[in-house]
N, C-alpha and C. Protein backbone atom coordinates (compact mmCIF):
# COMPACT_ATOMS: atom_id res chain seq x y z
N MET A 1 -20.08 46.25 65.84
CA MET A 1 -18.34 45.84 66.16
C MET A 1 -18.26 45.03 65.31
N SER A 2 -17.23 44.94 64.67
CA SER A 2 -16.61 44.15 63.67
C SER A 2 -16.13 42.91 64.30
N GLU A 3 -16.62 41.71 63.29
CA GLU A 3 -16.23 40.27 64.02
C GLU A 3 -14.64 40.00 63.73
N ALA A 4 -14.40 39.44 64.90
CA ALA A 4 -12.94 39.19 65.03
C ALA A 4 -12.35 38.03 63.91
N ARG A 5 -11.41 38.10 63.36
CA ARG A 5 -11.14 37.24 62.04
C ARG A 5 -9.63 36.84 62.38
N GLY A 6 -9.36 35.48 62.45
CA GLY A 6 -7.87 34.92 62.21
C GLY A 6 -7.05 35.35 60.99
N PRO A 7 -5.83 34.75 61.01
CA PRO A 7 -4.88 35.13 59.94
C PRO A 7 -5.57 34.23 58.59
N ASN A 8 -5.55 35.15 57.53
CA ASN A 8 -6.08 34.49 56.11
C ASN A 8 -5.19 33.21 55.73
N PRO A 9 -6.19 32.28 55.36
CA PRO A 9 -5.35 30.87 54.97
C PRO A 9 -4.54 31.24 53.82
N PRO A 10 -3.47 30.50 53.52
CA PRO A 10 -2.70 30.75 52.33
C PRO A 10 -3.34 30.30 51.18
N ASP A 11 -2.95 30.98 49.91
CA ASP A 11 -3.84 30.79 48.78
C ASP A 11 -3.37 29.45 48.36
N GLN A 12 -4.36 28.68 47.76
CA GLN A 12 -4.19 27.12 47.27
C GLN A 12 -3.91 27.25 45.78
N PRO A 13 -3.11 27.14 45.04
CA PRO A 13 -2.64 26.89 43.83
C PRO A 13 -3.60 26.06 43.18
N ASP A 14 -4.16 26.37 42.10
CA ASP A 14 -4.81 25.47 40.87
C ASP A 14 -4.04 24.30 40.81
N ASP A 15 -4.76 23.09 40.65
CA ASP A 15 -3.65 22.10 40.17
C ASP A 15 -3.64 22.08 38.71
N PRO A 16 -2.53 22.30 38.06
CA PRO A 16 -2.19 22.35 36.73
C PRO A 16 -2.02 21.14 35.91
N SER A 17 -2.04 19.95 36.70
CA SER A 17 -1.75 18.68 36.09
C SER A 17 -2.93 18.32 34.67
N TRP A 18 -4.10 18.82 34.85
CA TRP A 18 -5.18 18.20 33.68
C TRP A 18 -4.83 19.31 32.52
N LYS A 19 -4.34 20.44 32.92
CA LYS A 19 -4.04 21.69 31.64
C LYS A 19 -2.75 20.91 30.91
N ALA A 20 -1.87 20.59 31.81
CA ALA A 20 -0.91 19.97 31.15
C ALA A 20 -0.83 18.94 30.34
N TYR A 21 -1.87 17.70 30.89
CA TYR A 21 -2.11 16.54 29.99
C TYR A 21 -3.07 17.38 28.81
N ALA A 22 -4.10 18.34 29.05
CA ALA A 22 -4.61 18.51 27.73
C ALA A 22 -3.91 18.98 26.78
N THR A 23 -2.94 20.07 27.23
CA THR A 23 -2.01 20.63 26.12
C THR A 23 -1.07 19.41 25.40
N ASP A 24 -0.52 18.52 26.44
CA ASP A 24 0.18 17.49 25.86
C ASP A 24 -0.61 16.70 24.68
N LEU A 25 -1.75 16.37 25.11
CA LEU A 25 -2.56 15.65 24.41
C LEU A 25 -2.88 16.43 22.95
N LEU A 26 -3.21 17.53 23.13
CA LEU A 26 -3.66 18.50 21.88
C LEU A 26 -2.46 18.67 21.07
N SER A 27 -1.34 18.71 21.59
CA SER A 27 -0.07 18.90 20.81
C SER A 27 0.26 17.67 19.99
N SER A 28 0.12 16.46 20.78
CA SER A 28 0.30 15.03 20.12
C SER A 28 -0.71 14.95 18.88
N VAL A 29 -1.82 14.99 18.90
CA VAL A 29 -3.13 15.23 18.01
C VAL A 29 -2.63 15.85 16.95
N SER A 30 -2.21 17.03 17.21
CA SER A 30 -2.04 17.99 16.27
C SER A 30 -0.89 17.74 15.37
N ALA A 31 0.31 17.05 15.89
CA ALA A 31 1.47 16.92 15.30
C ALA A 31 1.17 15.39 14.43
N VAL A 32 0.55 14.51 15.03
CA VAL A 32 0.00 13.42 13.97
C VAL A 32 -0.72 13.88 12.90
N VAL A 33 -1.87 14.90 13.23
CA VAL A 33 -2.43 15.52 11.79
C VAL A 33 -1.84 16.15 11.00
N LEU A 34 -0.77 16.61 11.39
CA LEU A 34 0.18 17.44 10.54
C LEU A 34 1.05 16.63 9.74
N VAL A 35 1.49 15.36 10.22
CA VAL A 35 2.40 14.77 9.58
C VAL A 35 1.33 14.26 8.60
N GLY A 36 0.51 13.56 8.90
CA GLY A 36 -0.72 12.89 7.93
C GLY A 36 -0.84 13.88 6.75
N LEU A 37 -1.38 15.09 7.00
CA LEU A 37 -1.55 16.03 5.94
C LEU A 37 -0.28 16.49 5.00
N LEU A 38 0.92 16.36 5.58
CA LEU A 38 2.03 16.49 4.83
C LEU A 38 2.30 15.40 3.94
N LEU A 39 2.22 14.11 4.54
CA LEU A 39 2.42 12.88 3.63
C LEU A 39 1.30 12.77 2.53
N PHE A 40 0.04 13.32 2.74
CA PHE A 40 -1.11 13.22 1.57
C PHE A 40 -0.32 14.07 0.93
N ALA A 41 0.03 15.56 1.37
CA ALA A 41 0.19 16.66 0.48
C ALA A 41 1.54 15.98 -0.67
N VAL A 42 2.41 15.34 -0.36
CA VAL A 42 3.50 14.74 -0.90
C VAL A 42 2.92 13.48 -1.95
N SER A 43 2.15 12.54 -1.21
CA SER A 43 1.69 11.35 -1.90
C SER A 43 0.64 11.66 -2.91
N GLY A 44 -0.40 12.40 -2.38
CA GLY A 44 -1.69 12.57 -3.36
C GLY A 44 -2.52 11.61 -3.21
N VAL A 45 -2.13 10.49 -2.27
CA VAL A 45 -3.07 9.17 -1.68
C VAL A 45 -3.47 9.47 -0.39
N TRP A 46 -4.63 9.17 -0.01
CA TRP A 46 -4.94 8.87 1.17
C TRP A 46 -5.69 7.54 1.49
N PRO A 47 -5.14 6.69 2.27
CA PRO A 47 -4.07 6.87 3.34
C PRO A 47 -2.81 6.99 2.54
N PRO A 48 -1.64 7.53 2.95
CA PRO A 48 -0.47 7.55 2.36
C PRO A 48 0.26 6.41 2.56
N LEU A 49 0.08 5.69 3.68
CA LEU A 49 0.74 4.45 4.41
C LEU A 49 -0.19 3.39 4.64
N VAL A 50 0.22 2.23 4.01
CA VAL A 50 -0.36 1.19 4.09
C VAL A 50 0.30 0.16 4.92
N ALA A 51 -0.12 -0.86 5.63
CA ALA A 51 0.33 -1.96 6.52
C ALA A 51 0.19 -3.27 5.81
N ILE A 52 1.30 -3.99 5.44
CA ILE A 52 1.44 -5.10 4.65
C ILE A 52 0.82 -6.29 5.73
N GLU A 53 -0.20 -6.92 5.17
CA GLU A 53 -0.86 -8.02 5.88
C GLU A 53 -0.51 -9.50 5.43
N SER A 54 0.26 -9.80 4.33
CA SER A 54 0.53 -10.81 3.83
C SER A 54 1.91 -10.84 3.08
N LYS A 55 2.60 -12.34 2.85
CA LYS A 55 3.68 -12.50 2.46
C LYS A 55 3.96 -12.38 1.04
N SER A 56 2.82 -12.03 0.53
CA SER A 56 2.92 -12.35 -1.01
C SER A 56 3.98 -11.50 -1.97
N MET A 57 4.62 -10.29 -1.09
CA MET A 57 5.68 -9.83 -1.84
C MET A 57 6.90 -10.13 -1.23
N SER A 58 6.84 -10.96 -0.47
CA SER A 58 8.28 -11.44 0.19
C SER A 58 9.26 -11.95 -0.91
N PRO A 59 10.52 -11.83 -0.94
CA PRO A 59 11.52 -11.21 0.04
C PRO A 59 11.58 -9.71 0.07
N ASN A 60 11.00 -9.15 -0.65
CA ASN A 60 11.10 -7.51 -1.02
C ASN A 60 10.40 -6.95 -0.12
N ILE A 61 9.24 -7.08 0.11
CA ILE A 61 8.52 -6.38 1.09
C ILE A 61 7.79 -7.49 1.96
N HIS A 62 7.87 -7.11 3.29
CA HIS A 62 7.42 -8.15 4.52
C HIS A 62 6.16 -7.83 5.08
N VAL A 63 5.75 -8.84 5.57
CA VAL A 63 4.33 -8.79 6.58
C VAL A 63 4.89 -7.84 7.81
N GLY A 64 4.02 -6.81 8.09
CA GLY A 64 4.45 -5.69 9.14
C GLY A 64 5.37 -4.43 8.77
N ASP A 65 5.51 -4.62 7.45
CA ASP A 65 6.24 -3.22 6.87
C ASP A 65 5.25 -2.33 6.69
N LEU A 66 5.44 -0.79 6.83
CA LEU A 66 4.64 0.09 6.57
C LEU A 66 5.30 0.79 5.30
N VAL A 67 4.35 0.91 4.15
CA VAL A 67 4.66 1.31 2.78
C VAL A 67 3.89 2.40 2.83
N PHE A 68 4.96 3.59 2.07
CA PHE A 68 4.51 4.86 1.50
C PHE A 68 4.08 4.59 0.24
N VAL A 69 2.99 5.16 -0.11
CA VAL A 69 2.28 5.02 -1.18
C VAL A 69 2.19 6.33 -1.94
N MET A 70 2.53 6.41 -3.49
CA MET A 70 2.43 7.71 -3.97
C MET A 70 1.65 7.59 -5.15
N GLU A 71 0.81 8.78 -5.56
CA GLU A 71 -0.11 8.73 -6.67
C GLU A 71 0.93 8.57 -7.90
N GLU A 72 0.31 7.51 -8.82
CA GLU A 72 1.27 6.80 -9.65
C GLU A 72 1.72 7.88 -10.92
N GLU A 73 0.75 9.06 -10.97
CA GLU A 73 1.26 10.01 -12.17
C GLU A 73 2.23 11.14 -11.87
N ARG A 74 2.35 11.06 -10.41
CA ARG A 74 3.30 12.33 -9.67
C ARG A 74 4.76 12.28 -10.39
N PHE A 75 5.39 11.21 -10.21
CA PHE A 75 6.73 11.00 -10.68
C PHE A 75 6.96 9.88 -11.63
N PRO A 76 6.45 9.53 -13.01
CA PRO A 76 6.30 8.44 -13.74
C PRO A 76 7.63 8.30 -14.14
N GLY A 77 8.23 6.80 -14.46
CA GLY A 77 9.48 6.64 -15.03
C GLY A 77 9.24 6.80 -16.36
N GLU A 78 10.32 6.71 -17.19
CA GLU A 78 10.53 7.54 -18.38
C GLU A 78 10.09 6.33 -19.36
N VAL A 79 9.85 5.25 -19.03
CA VAL A 79 9.04 3.91 -19.86
C VAL A 79 8.02 3.54 -19.19
N GLN A 80 7.21 4.72 -18.71
CA GLN A 80 5.97 4.33 -18.08
C GLN A 80 4.86 3.80 -19.47
N GLN A 81 4.04 2.95 -18.78
CA GLN A 81 2.99 2.04 -19.79
C GLN A 81 1.93 3.29 -20.14
N GLY A 82 2.10 4.02 -21.58
CA GLY A 82 1.08 4.97 -22.04
C GLY A 82 1.05 6.30 -20.99
N GLU A 83 0.00 6.53 -20.53
CA GLU A 83 0.06 7.80 -19.58
C GLU A 83 -0.46 7.40 -18.11
N THR A 84 -0.43 5.96 -17.82
CA THR A 84 -0.66 5.32 -16.48
C THR A 84 0.36 5.99 -15.44
N GLY A 85 1.38 6.24 -15.55
CA GLY A 85 2.50 6.39 -14.85
C GLY A 85 3.03 5.18 -14.25
N VAL A 86 2.62 4.19 -14.69
CA VAL A 86 3.55 2.77 -14.03
C VAL A 86 4.31 2.25 -15.04
N VAL A 87 5.26 1.52 -14.47
CA VAL A 87 6.45 1.19 -15.38
C VAL A 87 6.06 -0.36 -14.98
N THR A 88 6.09 -1.22 -16.20
CA THR A 88 5.92 -2.68 -15.90
C THR A 88 7.35 -3.21 -15.81
N ALA A 89 7.28 -4.50 -15.22
CA ALA A 89 8.49 -5.27 -15.14
C ALA A 89 9.23 -5.35 -16.73
N HIS A 90 8.39 -5.93 -17.74
CA HIS A 90 8.84 -6.02 -18.99
C HIS A 90 9.45 -4.84 -19.51
N ALA A 91 9.15 -3.58 -19.55
CA ALA A 91 9.35 -2.48 -20.04
C ALA A 91 10.68 -1.92 -19.22
N ALA A 92 10.86 -2.29 -17.93
CA ALA A 92 11.70 -1.88 -17.03
C ALA A 92 12.82 -2.78 -17.15
N GLU A 93 12.97 -4.18 -17.64
CA GLU A 93 14.06 -4.83 -17.85
C GLU A 93 15.02 -4.13 -18.67
N SER A 94 14.74 -3.87 -19.80
CA SER A 94 15.65 -3.02 -20.93
C SER A 94 15.93 -1.60 -20.21
N ALA A 95 15.32 -1.13 -19.41
CA ALA A 95 15.62 0.30 -19.20
C ALA A 95 16.53 0.57 -17.74
N GLY A 96 16.47 -0.71 -17.20
CA GLY A 96 17.52 -0.78 -15.87
C GLY A 96 16.66 -0.20 -14.66
N TYR A 97 15.42 -0.12 -14.86
CA TYR A 97 14.53 0.73 -13.74
C TYR A 97 14.17 -0.48 -12.95
N SER A 98 14.16 -0.22 -11.51
CA SER A 98 13.79 -1.14 -10.60
C SER A 98 13.18 -0.69 -9.34
N LYS A 99 12.34 -1.27 -8.76
CA LYS A 99 11.77 -0.87 -7.35
C LYS A 99 11.63 -2.13 -6.27
N PHE A 100 11.95 -2.01 -5.40
CA PHE A 100 12.32 -2.86 -4.34
C PHE A 100 12.85 -4.26 -4.88
N GLN A 101 14.05 -4.11 -5.28
CA GLN A 101 14.87 -4.95 -5.69
C GLN A 101 14.68 -5.90 -7.01
N LYS A 102 13.56 -5.60 -7.82
CA LYS A 102 13.35 -5.97 -8.96
C LYS A 102 12.78 -5.18 -10.04
N PRO A 103 12.63 -5.47 -11.29
CA PRO A 103 12.23 -4.57 -12.33
C PRO A 103 10.70 -4.27 -12.20
N GLY A 104 10.32 -3.38 -12.54
CA GLY A 104 8.82 -2.58 -12.35
C GLY A 104 8.21 -2.14 -11.44
N ASP A 105 7.22 -1.39 -11.34
CA ASP A 105 6.87 -0.70 -10.25
C ASP A 105 5.70 -1.69 -9.68
N VAL A 106 5.59 -1.43 -8.26
CA VAL A 106 4.67 -2.16 -7.41
C VAL A 106 3.91 -1.51 -7.08
N ILE A 107 2.55 -1.80 -7.50
CA ILE A 107 1.36 -1.16 -7.57
C ILE A 107 0.41 -1.43 -6.49
N VAL A 108 -0.43 -0.34 -5.93
CA VAL A 108 -1.42 -0.86 -4.85
C VAL A 108 -2.83 -0.43 -5.86
N TYR A 109 -3.62 -1.77 -5.69
CA TYR A 109 -4.79 -1.79 -6.69
C TYR A 109 -6.06 -2.30 -5.95
N ALA A 110 -7.21 -1.59 -6.38
CA ALA A 110 -8.61 -2.49 -6.08
C ALA A 110 -9.01 -3.59 -7.00
N PRO A 111 -8.77 -4.83 -6.45
CA PRO A 111 -9.01 -5.94 -7.35
C PRO A 111 -10.53 -5.89 -8.09
N ASP A 112 -10.40 -5.84 -9.48
CA ASP A 112 -11.59 -5.85 -10.10
C ASP A 112 -12.17 -4.53 -9.95
N GLY A 113 -11.60 -3.64 -9.43
CA GLY A 113 -12.26 -2.27 -9.30
C GLY A 113 -13.02 -2.08 -7.96
N ASN A 114 -12.95 -3.14 -7.03
CA ASN A 114 -13.79 -3.20 -5.83
C ASN A 114 -13.24 -2.43 -4.80
N ASN A 115 -13.74 -1.15 -4.57
CA ASN A 115 -13.05 -0.31 -3.63
C ASN A 115 -13.36 -0.79 -2.10
N GLN A 116 -14.31 -1.81 -1.99
CA GLN A 116 -14.84 -2.09 -0.46
C GLN A 116 -14.17 -3.29 -0.02
N THR A 117 -13.19 -3.74 -0.90
CA THR A 117 -12.26 -4.83 -0.43
C THR A 117 -10.96 -4.57 -0.29
N THR A 118 -10.26 -5.16 0.60
CA THR A 118 -8.77 -4.87 0.89
C THR A 118 -7.85 -4.56 -0.50
N PRO A 119 -7.30 -3.58 -0.82
CA PRO A 119 -6.58 -3.32 -1.74
C PRO A 119 -5.23 -4.41 -1.79
N ILE A 120 -4.66 -4.52 -3.03
CA ILE A 120 -3.53 -5.66 -3.42
C ILE A 120 -2.23 -4.83 -3.62
N ILE A 121 -1.18 -5.16 -3.08
CA ILE A 121 -0.16 -4.42 -3.20
C ILE A 121 1.16 -5.90 -4.08
N HIS A 122 0.85 -5.33 -5.26
CA HIS A 122 1.61 -6.22 -6.27
C HIS A 122 2.43 -5.65 -7.48
N ARG A 123 3.25 -6.48 -8.03
CA ARG A 123 4.22 -5.90 -8.86
C ARG A 123 3.39 -5.86 -10.45
N ALA A 124 3.34 -4.66 -11.21
CA ALA A 124 2.96 -4.75 -12.51
C ALA A 124 3.87 -5.38 -13.40
N MET A 125 3.56 -6.54 -14.05
CA MET A 125 4.13 -7.28 -14.87
C MET A 125 4.34 -7.01 -16.44
N PHE A 126 3.24 -6.60 -16.98
CA PHE A 126 3.04 -6.30 -18.48
C PHE A 126 1.64 -5.79 -18.63
N TRP A 127 1.51 -5.11 -19.56
CA TRP A 127 0.18 -4.63 -20.13
C TRP A 127 -0.45 -5.45 -21.23
N VAL A 128 -1.66 -5.62 -21.15
CA VAL A 128 -2.52 -6.17 -22.17
C VAL A 128 -3.52 -5.43 -22.72
N GLU A 129 -3.79 -5.53 -23.92
CA GLU A 129 -5.23 -4.80 -24.47
C GLU A 129 -6.45 -5.46 -24.38
N ASP A 130 -7.58 -4.99 -24.48
CA ASP A 130 -8.45 -5.33 -24.54
C ASP A 130 -8.90 -6.67 -25.60
N GLY A 131 -9.13 -7.86 -25.32
CA GLY A 131 -9.36 -9.04 -26.19
C GLY A 131 -7.95 -9.73 -26.70
N GLU A 132 -6.87 -9.10 -26.02
CA GLU A 132 -5.48 -9.73 -26.42
C GLU A 132 -5.33 -11.40 -25.84
N ASN A 133 -4.63 -11.92 -26.55
CA ASN A 133 -4.17 -13.34 -26.13
C ASN A 133 -2.85 -13.09 -25.67
N TRP A 134 -2.40 -13.08 -24.38
CA TRP A 134 -1.34 -12.79 -23.92
C TRP A 134 -0.66 -13.90 -23.28
N TYR A 135 -1.04 -15.32 -23.48
CA TYR A 135 -0.27 -16.32 -23.19
C TYR A 135 1.20 -16.42 -23.64
N ASP A 136 1.40 -16.01 -24.91
CA ASP A 136 2.66 -15.99 -25.52
C ASP A 136 3.58 -15.13 -24.69
N GLU A 137 3.07 -13.90 -24.21
CA GLU A 137 3.89 -12.79 -23.43
C GLU A 137 4.09 -13.18 -22.20
N ALA A 138 3.37 -14.08 -21.74
CA ALA A 138 3.54 -14.50 -20.21
C ALA A 138 4.70 -15.45 -19.97
N ASP A 139 5.26 -15.19 -18.74
CA ASP A 139 6.15 -16.22 -18.52
C ASP A 139 5.48 -17.72 -18.38
N PRO A 140 6.03 -18.43 -18.73
CA PRO A 140 5.50 -19.87 -18.53
C PRO A 140 5.53 -20.34 -17.22
N GLU A 141 6.32 -19.82 -16.27
CA GLU A 141 6.50 -20.18 -15.14
C GLU A 141 5.35 -19.91 -14.13
N TYR A 142 4.57 -19.02 -14.58
CA TYR A 142 3.62 -18.31 -13.74
C TYR A 142 2.18 -18.52 -14.21
N VAL A 143 1.98 -19.35 -15.17
CA VAL A 143 0.64 -19.93 -15.91
C VAL A 143 0.04 -20.93 -15.47
N GLY A 144 0.50 -21.71 -14.36
CA GLY A 144 0.02 -22.52 -13.83
C GLY A 144 0.18 -23.98 -14.89
N ALA A 145 -0.89 -24.55 -14.90
CA ALA A 145 -0.70 -25.87 -15.83
C ALA A 145 -1.56 -25.45 -17.41
N ALA A 146 -2.04 -24.36 -17.45
CA ALA A 146 -2.32 -23.83 -18.82
C ALA A 146 -1.33 -23.85 -20.17
N ASP A 147 -1.67 -24.57 -21.01
CA ASP A 147 -0.95 -24.72 -22.40
C ASP A 147 -1.33 -23.87 -23.40
N SER A 148 -2.30 -22.91 -23.27
CA SER A 148 -2.63 -22.01 -24.07
C SER A 148 -3.49 -21.01 -23.63
N CYS A 149 -3.93 -20.15 -24.35
CA CYS A 149 -4.93 -18.84 -23.81
C CYS A 149 -6.15 -19.61 -23.57
N ASP A 150 -6.59 -20.72 -24.24
CA ASP A 150 -7.96 -21.20 -23.88
C ASP A 150 -8.04 -21.69 -22.38
N GLU A 151 -6.85 -22.00 -21.86
CA GLU A 151 -6.87 -23.00 -20.62
C GLU A 151 -6.40 -21.80 -19.47
N LEU A 152 -6.22 -20.54 -20.04
CA LEU A 152 -5.84 -19.34 -19.02
C LEU A 152 -6.74 -18.68 -18.56
N ASN A 153 -6.90 -18.44 -17.48
CA ASN A 153 -7.81 -17.58 -16.96
C ASN A 153 -7.92 -16.12 -17.39
N ASN A 154 -8.84 -15.53 -17.73
CA ASN A 154 -8.69 -13.87 -18.11
C ASN A 154 -7.89 -13.75 -19.20
N CYS A 155 -8.01 -15.03 -20.27
CA CYS A 155 -7.42 -15.15 -21.53
C CYS A 155 -8.53 -15.46 -22.62
N PRO A 156 -8.69 -14.61 -23.48
CA PRO A 156 -8.19 -13.34 -24.00
C PRO A 156 -8.49 -12.42 -22.80
N ALA A 157 -7.90 -11.22 -22.89
CA ALA A 157 -8.02 -10.26 -21.92
C ALA A 157 -9.43 -9.64 -21.70
N ASN A 158 -10.08 -9.60 -20.54
CA ASN A 158 -11.36 -9.22 -20.70
C ASN A 158 -11.43 -7.71 -20.35
N GLY A 159 -10.46 -6.85 -21.00
CA GLY A 159 -10.28 -5.45 -20.58
C GLY A 159 -8.80 -5.16 -20.96
N SER A 160 -8.42 -3.89 -21.15
CA SER A 160 -7.10 -3.34 -21.16
C SER A 160 -6.66 -3.29 -19.87
N GLY A 161 -5.56 -3.64 -19.45
CA GLY A 161 -4.71 -3.39 -17.98
C GLY A 161 -3.37 -4.15 -17.85
N PHE A 162 -3.16 -4.15 -16.47
CA PHE A 162 -1.84 -4.66 -16.04
C PHE A 162 -2.03 -6.24 -15.62
N ILE A 163 -1.11 -7.09 -16.18
CA ILE A 163 -0.95 -8.35 -15.51
C ILE A 163 -0.06 -8.29 -14.31
N THR A 164 -0.32 -8.75 -13.40
CA THR A 164 0.19 -8.45 -12.00
C THR A 164 0.70 -9.76 -11.25
N LYS A 165 1.68 -9.72 -10.53
CA LYS A 165 1.84 -10.77 -9.53
C LYS A 165 2.84 -10.36 -8.28
N GLY A 166 2.41 -11.06 -7.09
CA GLY A 166 3.28 -10.83 -5.94
C GLY A 166 4.72 -11.52 -6.16
N ASP A 167 5.65 -10.73 -5.75
CA ASP A 167 7.17 -11.55 -5.87
C ASP A 167 7.12 -12.93 -5.31
N TYR A 168 6.45 -13.07 -4.21
CA TYR A 168 6.58 -14.48 -3.55
C TYR A 168 5.49 -15.40 -4.26
N ASN A 169 4.47 -14.90 -4.99
CA ASN A 169 3.54 -15.92 -5.44
C ASN A 169 3.95 -16.81 -6.81
N GLY A 170 3.50 -17.87 -7.00
CA GLY A 170 3.76 -18.73 -8.27
C GLY A 170 3.27 -18.31 -9.44
N GLN A 171 2.16 -17.52 -9.43
CA GLN A 171 1.26 -17.65 -10.45
C GLN A 171 0.95 -16.09 -10.57
N TYR A 172 0.75 -15.51 -11.87
CA TYR A 172 0.06 -14.04 -11.81
C TYR A 172 -1.47 -14.16 -11.25
N ASP A 173 -1.82 -12.75 -10.93
CA ASP A 173 -3.03 -12.38 -10.13
C ASP A 173 -4.29 -13.12 -11.00
N GLN A 174 -3.96 -12.68 -12.28
CA GLN A 174 -5.23 -12.87 -13.17
C GLN A 174 -5.46 -14.70 -13.55
N VAL A 175 -4.29 -15.31 -13.19
CA VAL A 175 -4.13 -16.81 -13.27
C VAL A 175 -5.04 -17.18 -12.26
N THR A 176 -5.08 -16.87 -11.03
CA THR A 176 -5.49 -17.28 -10.01
C THR A 176 -7.05 -16.72 -9.64
N ASN A 177 -7.29 -15.60 -10.80
CA ASN A 177 -8.68 -15.10 -10.56
C ASN A 177 -8.63 -14.08 -9.31
N LEU A 178 -7.51 -13.85 -8.80
CA LEU A 178 -7.61 -12.46 -7.54
C LEU A 178 -8.04 -11.54 -8.51
N SER A 179 -7.84 -11.20 -9.55
CA SER A 179 -8.42 -9.83 -10.20
C SER A 179 -8.46 -10.26 -11.85
N GLY A 180 -9.01 -9.43 -12.45
CA GLY A 180 -8.67 -9.48 -14.03
C GLY A 180 -7.82 -8.40 -14.14
N PRO A 181 -7.44 -8.14 -15.51
CA PRO A 181 -6.37 -7.36 -15.90
C PRO A 181 -6.63 -5.97 -15.05
N VAL A 182 -5.73 -5.39 -14.48
CA VAL A 182 -5.78 -3.96 -13.84
C VAL A 182 -5.95 -3.05 -14.59
N LYS A 183 -7.30 -2.39 -14.64
CA LYS A 183 -7.34 -1.11 -15.47
C LYS A 183 -6.42 0.08 -14.73
N ALA A 184 -6.07 0.86 -15.64
CA ALA A 184 -5.37 2.40 -14.97
C ALA A 184 -6.39 2.81 -13.85
N SER A 185 -7.59 2.69 -14.05
CA SER A 185 -8.42 3.44 -13.04
C SER A 185 -8.60 2.65 -11.83
N TRP A 186 -8.16 1.57 -11.64
CA TRP A 186 -8.23 0.70 -10.30
C TRP A 186 -6.96 0.96 -9.54
N VAL A 187 -5.80 1.62 -10.31
CA VAL A 187 -4.69 1.73 -9.62
C VAL A 187 -4.56 2.87 -8.58
N ILE A 188 -4.46 2.33 -7.46
CA ILE A 188 -4.50 3.84 -6.22
C ILE A 188 -3.03 4.39 -5.97
N GLY A 189 -2.01 3.49 -6.37
CA GLY A 189 -0.82 4.46 -6.24
C GLY A 189 0.48 3.61 -6.52
N THR A 190 1.69 3.68 -6.40
CA THR A 190 2.57 3.03 -6.50
C THR A 190 3.42 2.96 -5.12
N ALA A 191 3.93 1.70 -4.58
CA ALA A 191 4.62 1.81 -3.51
C ALA A 191 6.05 2.34 -3.66
N GLU A 192 6.63 3.16 -2.80
CA GLU A 192 7.86 3.92 -2.96
C GLU A 192 9.03 3.30 -1.88
N VAL A 193 8.33 3.54 -0.69
CA VAL A 193 9.37 3.21 0.56
C VAL A 193 8.66 2.27 1.62
N ARG A 194 9.53 1.32 2.06
CA ARG A 194 9.04 0.58 3.11
C ARG A 194 9.60 0.69 4.34
N VAL A 195 8.98 0.76 5.63
CA VAL A 195 9.65 0.85 6.81
C VAL A 195 9.24 -0.32 7.51
N PRO A 196 10.32 -1.19 7.73
CA PRO A 196 10.30 -2.55 8.42
C PRO A 196 9.65 -2.44 9.84
N TRP A 197 8.50 -3.36 10.16
CA TRP A 197 7.73 -3.72 11.59
C TRP A 197 6.92 -2.52 11.73
N LEU A 198 6.96 -1.20 11.19
CA LEU A 198 6.00 -0.37 11.77
C LEU A 198 4.71 -0.59 11.52
N GLY A 199 4.32 -1.22 10.26
CA GLY A 199 3.10 -1.70 10.27
C GLY A 199 2.68 -2.57 11.12
N CYS A 200 3.35 -3.32 11.94
CA CYS A 200 2.65 -4.07 13.08
C CYS A 200 1.90 -3.35 14.00
N ILE A 201 2.20 -2.16 14.34
CA ILE A 201 1.41 -1.44 14.97
C ILE A 201 0.07 -1.30 14.69
N ARG A 202 0.21 -0.65 13.44
CA ARG A 202 -1.31 -0.70 12.93
C ARG A 202 -2.00 -1.87 12.69
N LEU A 203 -1.20 -3.04 12.29
CA LEU A 203 -2.27 -4.26 12.42
C LEU A 203 -2.54 -4.60 13.37
N SER A 204 -1.89 -4.52 14.58
CA SER A 204 -2.25 -4.76 15.90
C SER A 204 -3.36 -3.95 16.53
N ALA A 205 -3.47 -2.96 15.87
CA ALA A 205 -4.62 -1.77 16.60
C ALA A 205 -5.83 -2.08 16.08
N THR A 206 -5.84 -2.60 14.67
CA THR A 206 -7.00 -2.96 13.90
C THR A 206 -7.47 -4.21 14.06
N GLY A 207 -6.66 -5.10 14.38
CA GLY A 207 -6.79 -6.54 14.52
C GLY A 207 -6.85 -7.31 13.16
N ALA A 208 -6.38 -6.56 12.22
CA ALA A 208 -6.00 -7.06 11.04
C ALA A 208 -5.55 -8.55 10.81
N ALA A 209 -5.72 -9.45 10.20
CA ALA A 209 -5.16 -11.00 10.35
C ALA A 209 -3.97 -10.96 9.63
N THR A 210 -2.76 -11.53 9.76
CA THR A 210 -1.68 -11.49 9.22
C THR A 210 -1.13 -12.81 9.06
N GLN A 211 -0.32 -13.21 8.21
CA GLN A 211 0.21 -14.50 8.50
C GLN A 211 0.73 -15.11 9.73
N PRO A 212 0.81 -16.37 10.00
CA PRO A 212 1.17 -17.20 11.17
C PRO A 212 2.63 -16.42 11.50
N GLY A 213 2.84 -16.19 12.57
CA GLY A 213 4.27 -15.75 12.92
C GLY A 213 4.52 -14.21 12.84
N ALA A 214 3.85 -13.53 11.94
CA ALA A 214 4.10 -11.97 11.71
C ALA A 214 3.95 -11.47 13.05
N CYS A 215 4.61 -10.26 13.20
CA CYS A 215 4.41 -9.21 14.18
C CYS A 215 4.25 -10.10 15.44
N GLU A 216 5.10 -11.19 15.82
CA GLU A 216 4.85 -11.91 17.09
C GLU A 216 5.45 -11.25 18.07
N LEU A 217 6.34 -10.22 17.99
CA LEU A 217 7.29 -9.54 18.94
C LEU A 217 6.19 -8.59 19.76
N LEU A 218 5.18 -8.21 19.03
CA LEU A 218 4.14 -7.17 19.45
C LEU A 218 3.19 -7.80 20.52
């Protein structure tokens, strides 16, 4: 004898919410990776975007800006220094070449070639050769109290490289011993474009220290 059965219960559809969430998450991650790879392909530098942590390049680059960095040799200016791909401020003045409202390229470099510390983003002012007395080429306004090469840090030059300075700063990096003359091999790339405030997101996420009052809206 067959067992009596009631009507079959209606089929319960599977809950698709987790699948939709997983699909959206995968799509978002894929899009971010794709954009990152595209930017890397264009710039030749990883990471291709850097967040500005200090006001040393104000008023032309601000704390919280996100800056696109490109390998310096990809699109060099006509008056580049040798084969470095970098145009110094001194060379740019006569050529009418400017970046971020002032003559000369803004470079990202590892101070003293130390890749374990935070890179510096400052303007390349002029080039010096190893052993050169560069006091006379320097702007007297940016050498502090020094009256001669003997009183100037990193003079004579302890290696060929760029003398650099933040647009906001009152002295060259080499005067304050932030770095020796920046060798071409220490240069990570040149700053090309800035996006205001977008870097604050990265700084907030990583907990990187910034100047007081910066990114305060986040």
